[in-house]
Amino acid sequence: MTSPSRTLQVVAAVIVRDGAVLACRRAPHKDAAGRWEFPGGKVEAGETPEAALARELREELGVDVRVGALLDRTVTGQVDLACYAATLLGPAPTASTDHDALEWRGTGALAGLDWADADLPVVARLAELEAEALTAAAAVAPTEEEAR
């Protein structure tokens, strides 16, 4: 008897800084090594997508973010990828546990990278948006803790 297949919930962040978007190249020890992606990871049981994204970015990049609007959602095969706009709450990342290169690029320059298949719809969507619209999408009201 086979078990029913489950959809893997994955989240990613389009982090905007000074009109540029963070692109991350997968390290040699990872699947799809050498391909570019937006940082993020799997949603664990009991987590909201936003909480999972904040956790993954702390773990992978050592940064805290404010998760903003949902920019794109793509379901391919058994993967459900939700990509959110996000704003850094501190310094920009300089290293990653899962990536061997981090680059800040304007939305028009993203298409020049070799993107992971799951991220291609997001890259296409970003080509339609201006950096200012991304910045607005990433900006949400501060949490009570941030307001203090």
N, C-alpha and C. Protein backbone atom coordinates (compact mmCIF):
# COMPACT_ATOMS: atom_id res chain seq x y z
N MET A 1 0.85 -1.18 0.00
CA MET A 1 0.00 0.00 0.00
C MET A 1 0.89 1.24 0.00
N THR A 2 0.60 2.17 -0.88
CA THR A 2 1.40 3.39 -0.94
C THR A 2 0.70 4.51 -0.19
N SER A 3 1.50 5.38 0.39
CA SER A 3 0.90 6.51 1.10
C SER A 3 0.60 7.61 0.11
N PRO A 4 -0.43 8.41 0.38
CA PRO A 4 -0.76 9.49 -0.53
C PRO A 4 0.37 10.52 -0.56
N SER A 5 0.61 11.07 -1.74
CA SER A 5 1.67 12.08 -1.84
C SER A 5 1.21 13.37 -1.17
N ARG A 6 2.17 14.04 -0.56
CA ARG A 6 1.86 15.29 0.12
C ARG A 6 2.56 16.43 -0.60
N THR A 7 1.93 17.57 -0.58
CA THR A 7 2.54 18.75 -1.16
C THR A 7 3.49 19.36 -0.14
N LEU A 8 4.70 19.65 -0.57
CA LEU A 8 5.70 20.26 0.28
C LEU A 8 5.49 21.77 0.27
N GLN A 9 5.25 22.34 1.44
CA GLN A 9 5.06 23.78 1.57
C GLN A 9 6.41 24.46 1.71
N VAL A 10 6.73 25.36 0.77
CA VAL A 10 8.01 26.06 0.75
C VAL A 10 7.74 27.55 0.66
N VAL A 11 8.58 28.33 1.35
CA VAL A 11 8.47 29.79 1.31
C VAL A 11 9.79 30.39 0.88
N ALA A 12 9.71 31.55 0.25
CA ALA A 12 10.91 32.26 -0.18
C ALA A 12 10.68 33.75 -0.01
N ALA A 13 11.79 34.49 0.06
CA ALA A 13 11.71 35.94 0.28
C ALA A 13 12.35 36.70 -0.86
N VAL A 14 11.66 37.72 -1.31
CA VAL A 14 12.24 38.72 -2.18
C VAL A 14 12.61 39.87 -1.25
N ILE A 15 13.89 39.90 -0.89
CA ILE A 15 14.38 40.92 0.04
C ILE A 15 14.85 42.11 -0.79
N VAL A 16 14.28 43.27 -0.51
CA VAL A 16 14.57 44.48 -1.26
C VAL A 16 15.39 45.43 -0.40
N ARG A 17 16.48 45.96 -1.00
CA ARG A 17 17.30 46.96 -0.32
C ARG A 17 17.81 47.94 -1.36
N ASP A 18 17.53 49.21 -1.14
CA ASP A 18 18.00 50.26 -2.07
C ASP A 18 17.63 49.95 -3.52
N GLY A 19 16.43 49.47 -3.74
CA GLY A 19 15.96 49.19 -5.09
C GLY A 19 16.50 47.92 -5.72
N ALA A 20 17.26 47.14 -4.97
CA ALA A 20 17.83 45.89 -5.49
C ALA A 20 17.26 44.71 -4.72
N VAL A 21 17.30 43.54 -5.35
CA VAL A 21 16.75 42.30 -4.79
C VAL A 21 17.90 41.33 -4.52
N LEU A 22 17.81 40.60 -3.40
CA LEU A 22 18.84 39.63 -3.05
C LEU A 22 18.64 38.32 -3.81
N ALA A 23 19.67 37.92 -4.53
CA ALA A 23 19.70 36.62 -5.22
C ALA A 23 20.79 35.78 -4.56
N CYS A 24 20.52 34.49 -4.37
CA CYS A 24 21.45 33.59 -3.67
C CYS A 24 21.76 32.39 -4.56
N ARG A 25 23.06 32.07 -4.71
CA ARG A 25 23.46 30.92 -5.52
C ARG A 25 23.66 29.70 -4.63
N ARG A 26 23.00 28.60 -4.99
CA ARG A 26 23.07 27.37 -4.19
C ARG A 26 24.48 26.82 -4.16
N ALA A 27 24.91 26.45 -2.96
CA ALA A 27 26.27 25.96 -2.73
C ALA A 27 26.47 24.58 -3.36
N PRO A 28 27.75 24.20 -3.58
CA PRO A 28 28.05 22.91 -4.22
C PRO A 28 27.47 21.70 -3.49
N HIS A 29 27.29 21.76 -2.18
CA HIS A 29 26.77 20.61 -1.43
C HIS A 29 25.25 20.51 -1.44
N LYS A 30 24.56 21.42 -2.12
CA LYS A 30 23.09 21.43 -2.14
C LYS A 30 22.56 20.91 -3.48
N ASP A 31 21.30 20.44 -3.47
CA ASP A 31 20.63 20.11 -4.73
C ASP A 31 20.58 21.37 -5.59
N ALA A 32 20.60 21.21 -6.89
CA ALA A 32 20.58 22.35 -7.82
C ALA A 32 21.74 23.30 -7.58
N ALA A 33 22.90 22.74 -7.25
CA ALA A 33 24.10 23.55 -6.99
C ALA A 33 24.39 24.46 -8.17
N GLY A 34 24.78 25.69 -7.86
CA GLY A 34 25.13 26.66 -8.88
C GLY A 34 23.96 27.44 -9.45
N ARG A 35 22.75 27.04 -9.12
CA ARG A 35 21.57 27.76 -9.61
C ARG A 35 21.19 28.81 -8.58
N TRP A 36 20.56 29.85 -9.04
CA TRP A 36 20.17 30.98 -8.19
C TRP A 36 18.76 30.80 -7.68
N GLU A 37 18.50 31.35 -6.50
CA GLU A 37 17.17 31.26 -5.90
C GLU A 37 16.97 32.43 -4.96
N PHE A 38 15.72 32.59 -4.53
CA PHE A 38 15.40 33.51 -3.46
C PHE A 38 15.51 32.72 -2.16
N PRO A 39 16.08 33.31 -1.10
CA PRO A 39 16.29 32.54 0.13
C PRO A 39 14.97 32.16 0.79
N GLY A 40 15.00 31.02 1.48
CA GLY A 40 13.80 30.55 2.18
C GLY A 40 13.96 29.08 2.52
N GLY A 41 12.85 28.38 2.65
CA GLY A 41 12.91 26.97 2.99
C GLY A 41 11.55 26.38 3.26
N LYS A 42 11.56 25.24 3.92
CA LYS A 42 10.33 24.48 4.16
C LYS A 42 9.56 25.01 5.37
N VAL A 43 8.24 24.92 5.26
CA VAL A 43 7.35 25.26 6.37
C VAL A 43 7.22 24.01 7.23
N GLU A 44 7.50 24.15 8.53
CA GLU A 44 7.37 23.02 9.45
C GLU A 44 5.96 22.94 10.00
N ALA A 45 5.58 21.76 10.49
CA ALA A 45 4.25 21.55 11.05
C ALA A 45 3.96 22.59 12.14
N GLY A 46 2.80 23.20 12.07
CA GLY A 46 2.38 24.17 13.08
C GLY A 46 2.86 25.59 12.83
N GLU A 47 3.66 25.81 11.79
CA GLU A 47 4.16 27.15 11.48
C GLU A 47 3.28 27.83 10.44
N THR A 48 3.15 29.14 10.56
CA THR A 48 2.56 29.90 9.47
C THR A 48 3.65 30.10 8.42
N PRO A 49 3.28 30.35 7.18
CA PRO A 49 4.31 30.61 6.17
C PRO A 49 5.22 31.78 6.55
N GLU A 50 4.65 32.83 7.11
CA GLU A 50 5.44 34.00 7.49
C GLU A 50 6.44 33.67 8.60
N ALA A 51 6.01 32.89 9.59
CA ALA A 51 6.92 32.50 10.68
C ALA A 51 8.03 31.59 10.14
N ALA A 52 7.67 30.68 9.24
CA ALA A 52 8.67 29.78 8.65
C ALA A 52 9.71 30.58 7.87
N LEU A 53 9.25 31.58 7.13
CA LEU A 53 10.18 32.38 6.35
C LEU A 53 11.13 33.16 7.25
N ALA A 54 10.61 33.77 8.29
CA ALA A 54 11.47 34.50 9.23
C ALA A 54 12.50 33.56 9.86
N ARG A 55 12.07 32.35 10.24
CA ARG A 55 12.98 31.37 10.84
C ARG A 55 14.06 30.95 9.85
N GLU A 56 13.66 30.61 8.64
CA GLU A 56 14.62 30.16 7.63
C GLU A 56 15.66 31.23 7.33
N LEU A 57 15.25 32.48 7.25
CA LEU A 57 16.20 33.56 6.95
C LEU A 57 17.17 33.80 8.10
N ARG A 58 16.69 33.62 9.34
CA ARG A 58 17.60 33.69 10.49
C ARG A 58 18.62 32.56 10.42
N GLU A 59 18.14 31.34 10.12
CA GLU A 59 19.03 30.18 10.08
C GLU A 59 20.03 30.25 8.92
N GLU A 60 19.57 30.58 7.73
CA GLU A 60 20.42 30.56 6.54
C GLU A 60 21.31 31.78 6.39
N LEU A 61 20.75 32.95 6.67
CA LEU A 61 21.45 34.21 6.39
C LEU A 61 21.84 34.99 7.64
N GLY A 62 21.31 34.59 8.80
CA GLY A 62 21.61 35.32 10.03
C GLY A 62 20.97 36.70 10.08
N VAL A 63 19.82 36.86 9.43
CA VAL A 63 19.15 38.16 9.40
C VAL A 63 17.73 38.06 9.94
N ASP A 64 17.24 39.19 10.42
CA ASP A 64 15.84 39.31 10.80
C ASP A 64 15.15 40.14 9.73
N VAL A 65 13.92 39.76 9.41
CA VAL A 65 13.16 40.47 8.39
C VAL A 65 11.74 40.73 8.87
N ARG A 66 11.12 41.69 8.21
CA ARG A 66 9.68 41.88 8.33
C ARG A 66 9.09 41.30 7.05
N VAL A 67 8.24 40.30 7.18
CA VAL A 67 7.63 39.66 6.02
C VAL A 67 6.45 40.51 5.58
N GLY A 68 6.42 40.83 4.29
CA GLY A 68 5.36 41.67 3.73
C GLY A 68 4.37 40.86 2.92
N ALA A 69 3.96 41.44 1.81
CA ALA A 69 2.90 40.87 0.98
C ALA A 69 3.35 39.63 0.21
N LEU A 70 2.39 38.75 -0.03
CA LEU A 70 2.60 37.60 -0.90
C LEU A 70 2.73 38.12 -2.33
N LEU A 71 3.85 37.82 -2.99
CA LEU A 71 4.09 38.29 -4.35
C LEU A 71 3.70 37.27 -5.41
N ASP A 72 3.89 35.99 -5.10
CA ASP A 72 3.64 34.96 -6.09
C ASP A 72 3.48 33.62 -5.38
N ARG A 73 2.65 32.77 -5.95
CA ARG A 73 2.49 31.42 -5.42
C ARG A 73 2.44 30.48 -6.61
N THR A 74 3.31 29.48 -6.58
CA THR A 74 3.42 28.54 -7.68
C THR A 74 3.38 27.12 -7.13
N VAL A 75 2.52 26.30 -7.70
CA VAL A 75 2.46 24.89 -7.34
C VAL A 75 2.94 24.09 -8.55
N THR A 76 4.05 23.37 -8.35
CA THR A 76 4.60 22.53 -9.42
C THR A 76 4.87 21.16 -8.84
N GLY A 77 4.29 20.15 -9.44
CA GLY A 77 4.49 18.79 -8.92
C GLY A 77 4.02 18.72 -7.48
N GLN A 78 4.93 18.40 -6.58
CA GLN A 78 4.57 18.27 -5.17
C GLN A 78 5.10 19.43 -4.33
N VAL A 79 5.45 20.55 -4.97
CA VAL A 79 5.97 21.71 -4.24
C VAL A 79 5.02 22.89 -4.40
N ASP A 80 4.66 23.49 -3.27
CA ASP A 80 3.83 24.69 -3.23
C ASP A 80 4.73 25.81 -2.71
N LEU A 81 5.20 26.69 -3.62
CA LEU A 81 6.11 27.76 -3.26
C LEU A 81 5.36 29.08 -3.14
N ALA A 82 5.43 29.67 -1.95
CA ALA A 82 4.86 31.00 -1.70
C ALA A 82 6.02 31.97 -1.52
N CYS A 83 6.04 33.02 -2.33
CA CYS A 83 7.15 33.98 -2.28
C CYS A 83 6.62 35.32 -1.79
N TYR A 84 7.24 35.83 -0.73
CA TYR A 84 6.82 37.07 -0.08
C TYR A 84 7.86 38.16 -0.25
N ALA A 85 7.40 39.40 -0.28
CA ALA A 85 8.31 40.54 -0.18
C ALA A 85 8.77 40.60 1.27
N ALA A 86 10.00 41.06 1.49
CA ALA A 86 10.52 41.15 2.86
C ALA A 86 11.48 42.32 2.97
N THR A 87 11.53 42.89 4.17
CA THR A 87 12.42 44.00 4.47
C THR A 87 13.38 43.59 5.57
N LEU A 88 14.65 43.87 5.38
CA LEU A 88 15.65 43.60 6.43
C LEU A 88 15.40 44.51 7.62
N LEU A 89 15.56 43.97 8.82
CA LEU A 89 15.42 44.76 10.05
C LEU A 89 16.78 45.11 10.64
N GLY A 90 17.83 44.81 9.94
CA GLY A 90 19.19 45.08 10.40
C GLY A 90 20.12 45.06 9.20
N PRO A 91 21.39 44.78 9.45
CA PRO A 91 22.37 44.78 8.36
C PRO A 91 22.08 43.69 7.31
N ALA A 92 22.58 43.93 6.12
CA ALA A 92 22.43 42.97 5.02
C ALA A 92 23.27 41.73 5.30
N PRO A 93 22.83 40.58 4.81
CA PRO A 93 23.61 39.35 5.01
C PRO A 93 24.92 39.40 4.24
N THR A 94 25.92 38.73 4.79
CA THR A 94 27.23 38.66 4.12
C THR A 94 27.63 37.22 3.82
N ALA A 95 26.92 36.26 4.40
CA ALA A 95 27.22 34.84 4.19
C ALA A 95 25.94 34.04 4.36
N SER A 96 25.98 32.78 3.92
CA SER A 96 24.82 31.90 4.01
C SER A 96 25.27 30.47 4.25
N THR A 97 24.45 29.73 4.98
CA THR A 97 24.75 28.32 5.21
C THR A 97 24.43 27.46 3.99
N ASP A 98 23.56 27.94 3.11
CA ASP A 98 23.10 27.15 1.96
C ASP A 98 23.57 27.68 0.61
N HIS A 99 24.26 28.82 0.61
CA HIS A 99 24.62 29.48 -0.64
C HIS A 99 26.09 29.86 -0.64
N ASP A 100 26.70 29.86 -1.84
CA ASP A 100 28.11 30.25 -1.93
C ASP A 100 28.30 31.65 -2.52
N ALA A 101 27.20 32.29 -2.90
CA ALA A 101 27.27 33.67 -3.39
C ALA A 101 25.95 34.38 -3.12
N LEU A 102 26.05 35.64 -2.75
CA LEU A 102 24.89 36.50 -2.54
C LEU A 102 25.10 37.74 -3.41
N GLU A 103 24.09 38.12 -4.18
CA GLU A 103 24.20 39.30 -5.04
C GLU A 103 22.94 40.14 -4.93
N TRP A 104 23.13 41.46 -4.92
CA TRP A 104 22.01 42.41 -4.99
C TRP A 104 21.89 42.86 -6.43
N ARG A 105 20.70 42.69 -7.01
CA ARG A 105 20.48 43.03 -8.42
C ARG A 105 19.17 43.78 -8.58
N GLY A 106 19.17 44.70 -9.53
CA GLY A 106 17.93 45.35 -9.92
C GLY A 106 17.01 44.33 -10.56
N THR A 107 15.71 44.59 -10.53
CA THR A 107 14.77 43.61 -11.07
C THR A 107 15.03 43.32 -12.54
N GLY A 108 15.52 44.30 -13.29
CA GLY A 108 15.81 44.09 -14.70
C GLY A 108 17.01 43.19 -14.95
N ALA A 109 17.88 43.04 -13.96
CA ALA A 109 19.09 42.23 -14.11
C ALA A 109 18.93 40.80 -13.59
N LEU A 110 17.78 40.49 -13.03
CA LEU A 110 17.58 39.15 -12.46
C LEU A 110 17.55 38.07 -13.53
N ALA A 111 16.97 38.37 -14.67
CA ALA A 111 16.81 37.35 -15.72
C ALA A 111 18.14 36.83 -16.25
N GLY A 112 19.23 37.55 -16.02
CA GLY A 112 20.54 37.12 -16.50
C GLY A 112 21.17 36.00 -15.70
N LEU A 113 20.54 35.58 -14.62
CA LEU A 113 21.07 34.51 -13.78
C LEU A 113 20.43 33.17 -14.14
N ASP A 114 21.10 32.07 -13.81
CA ASP A 114 20.58 30.72 -14.04
C ASP A 114 19.75 30.32 -12.82
N TRP A 115 18.45 30.61 -12.87
CA TRP A 115 17.55 30.42 -11.73
C TRP A 115 17.09 28.97 -11.58
N ALA A 116 16.87 28.56 -10.35
CA ALA A 116 16.22 27.28 -10.06
C ALA A 116 14.82 27.33 -10.67
N ASP A 117 14.36 26.20 -11.19
CA ASP A 117 13.07 26.17 -11.89
C ASP A 117 11.93 26.74 -11.06
N ALA A 118 11.88 26.42 -9.78
CA ALA A 118 10.78 26.87 -8.93
C ALA A 118 10.73 28.39 -8.81
N ASP A 119 11.87 29.06 -8.99
CA ASP A 119 11.93 30.51 -8.83
C ASP A 119 11.64 31.28 -10.12
N LEU A 120 11.63 30.60 -11.25
CA LEU A 120 11.43 31.28 -12.54
C LEU A 120 10.13 32.08 -12.61
N PRO A 121 8.99 31.55 -12.12
CA PRO A 121 7.77 32.37 -12.17
C PRO A 121 7.89 33.65 -11.33
N VAL A 122 8.63 33.59 -10.24
CA VAL A 122 8.82 34.77 -9.40
C VAL A 122 9.67 35.80 -10.14
N VAL A 123 10.73 35.34 -10.80
CA VAL A 123 11.58 36.24 -11.58
C VAL A 123 10.74 36.94 -12.66
N ALA A 124 9.88 36.19 -13.33
CA ALA A 124 9.01 36.77 -14.36
C ALA A 124 8.07 37.80 -13.75
N ARG A 125 7.53 37.48 -12.59
CA ARG A 125 6.62 38.42 -11.90
C ARG A 125 7.35 39.69 -11.51
N LEU A 126 8.57 39.56 -11.02
CA LEU A 126 9.33 40.73 -10.59
C LEU A 126 9.67 41.64 -11.76
N ALA A 127 9.84 41.05 -12.93
CA ALA A 127 10.14 41.85 -14.12
C ALA A 127 8.99 42.81 -14.42
N GLU A 128 7.79 42.46 -13.94
CA GLU A 128 6.62 43.29 -14.17
C GLU A 128 6.49 44.42 -13.14
N LEU A 129 7.19 44.30 -12.05
CA LEU A 129 7.04 45.26 -10.96
C LEU A 129 8.22 46.22 -10.91
N GLU A 130 7.97 47.42 -10.49
CA GLU A 130 9.04 48.40 -10.25
C GLU A 130 9.59 48.17 -8.86
N ALA A 131 10.83 48.53 -8.64
CA ALA A 131 11.45 48.38 -7.33
C ALA A 131 10.65 49.12 -6.26
N GLU A 132 10.06 50.25 -6.60
CA GLU A 132 9.28 51.00 -5.61
C GLU A 132 8.05 50.22 -5.17
N ALA A 133 7.42 49.52 -6.12
CA ALA A 133 6.25 48.71 -5.76
C ALA A 133 6.67 47.56 -4.85
N LEU A 134 7.85 46.98 -5.09
CA LEU A 134 8.35 45.92 -4.21
C LEU A 134 8.60 46.46 -2.81
N THR A 135 9.19 47.64 -2.74
CA THR A 135 9.47 48.24 -1.44
C THR A 135 8.16 48.47 -0.69
N ALA A 136 7.14 48.95 -1.38
CA ALA A 136 5.84 49.18 -0.75
C ALA A 136 5.23 47.86 -0.29
N ALA A 137 5.38 46.80 -1.08
CA ALA A 137 4.83 45.50 -0.70
C ALA A 137 5.53 44.93 0.52
N ALA A 138 6.82 45.23 0.66
CA ALA A 138 7.58 44.71 1.79
C ALA A 138 7.27 45.47 3.07
N ALA A 139 6.79 46.69 2.95
CA ALA A 139 6.53 47.53 4.12
C ALA A 139 5.14 47.21 4.68
N VAL A 140 5.13 46.71 5.87
CA VAL A 140 3.88 46.48 6.59
C VAL A 140 4.00 47.16 7.93
N ALA A 141 2.90 47.31 8.60
CA ALA A 141 2.93 47.96 9.91
C ALA A 141 3.85 47.20 10.85
N PRO A 142 4.64 47.91 11.67
CA PRO A 142 5.53 47.23 12.61
C PRO A 142 4.74 46.44 13.64
N THR A 143 5.34 45.37 14.11
CA THR A 143 4.72 44.60 15.18
C THR A 143 4.78 45.41 16.47
N GLU A 144 4.04 45.00 17.49
CA GLU A 144 4.08 45.71 18.77
C GLU A 144 5.49 45.75 19.32
N GLU A 145 6.22 44.64 19.18
CA GLU A 145 7.59 44.57 19.69
C GLU A 145 8.50 45.57 18.97
N GLU A 146 8.34 45.68 17.65
CA GLU A 146 9.15 46.61 16.88
C GLU A 146 8.81 48.06 17.21
N ALA A 147 7.54 48.32 17.52
CA ALA A 147 7.11 49.69 17.81
C ALA A 147 7.65 50.19 19.14
N ARG A 148 8.03 49.28 20.04
CA ARG A 148 8.55 49.70 21.35
C ARG A 148 9.92 50.26 21.27
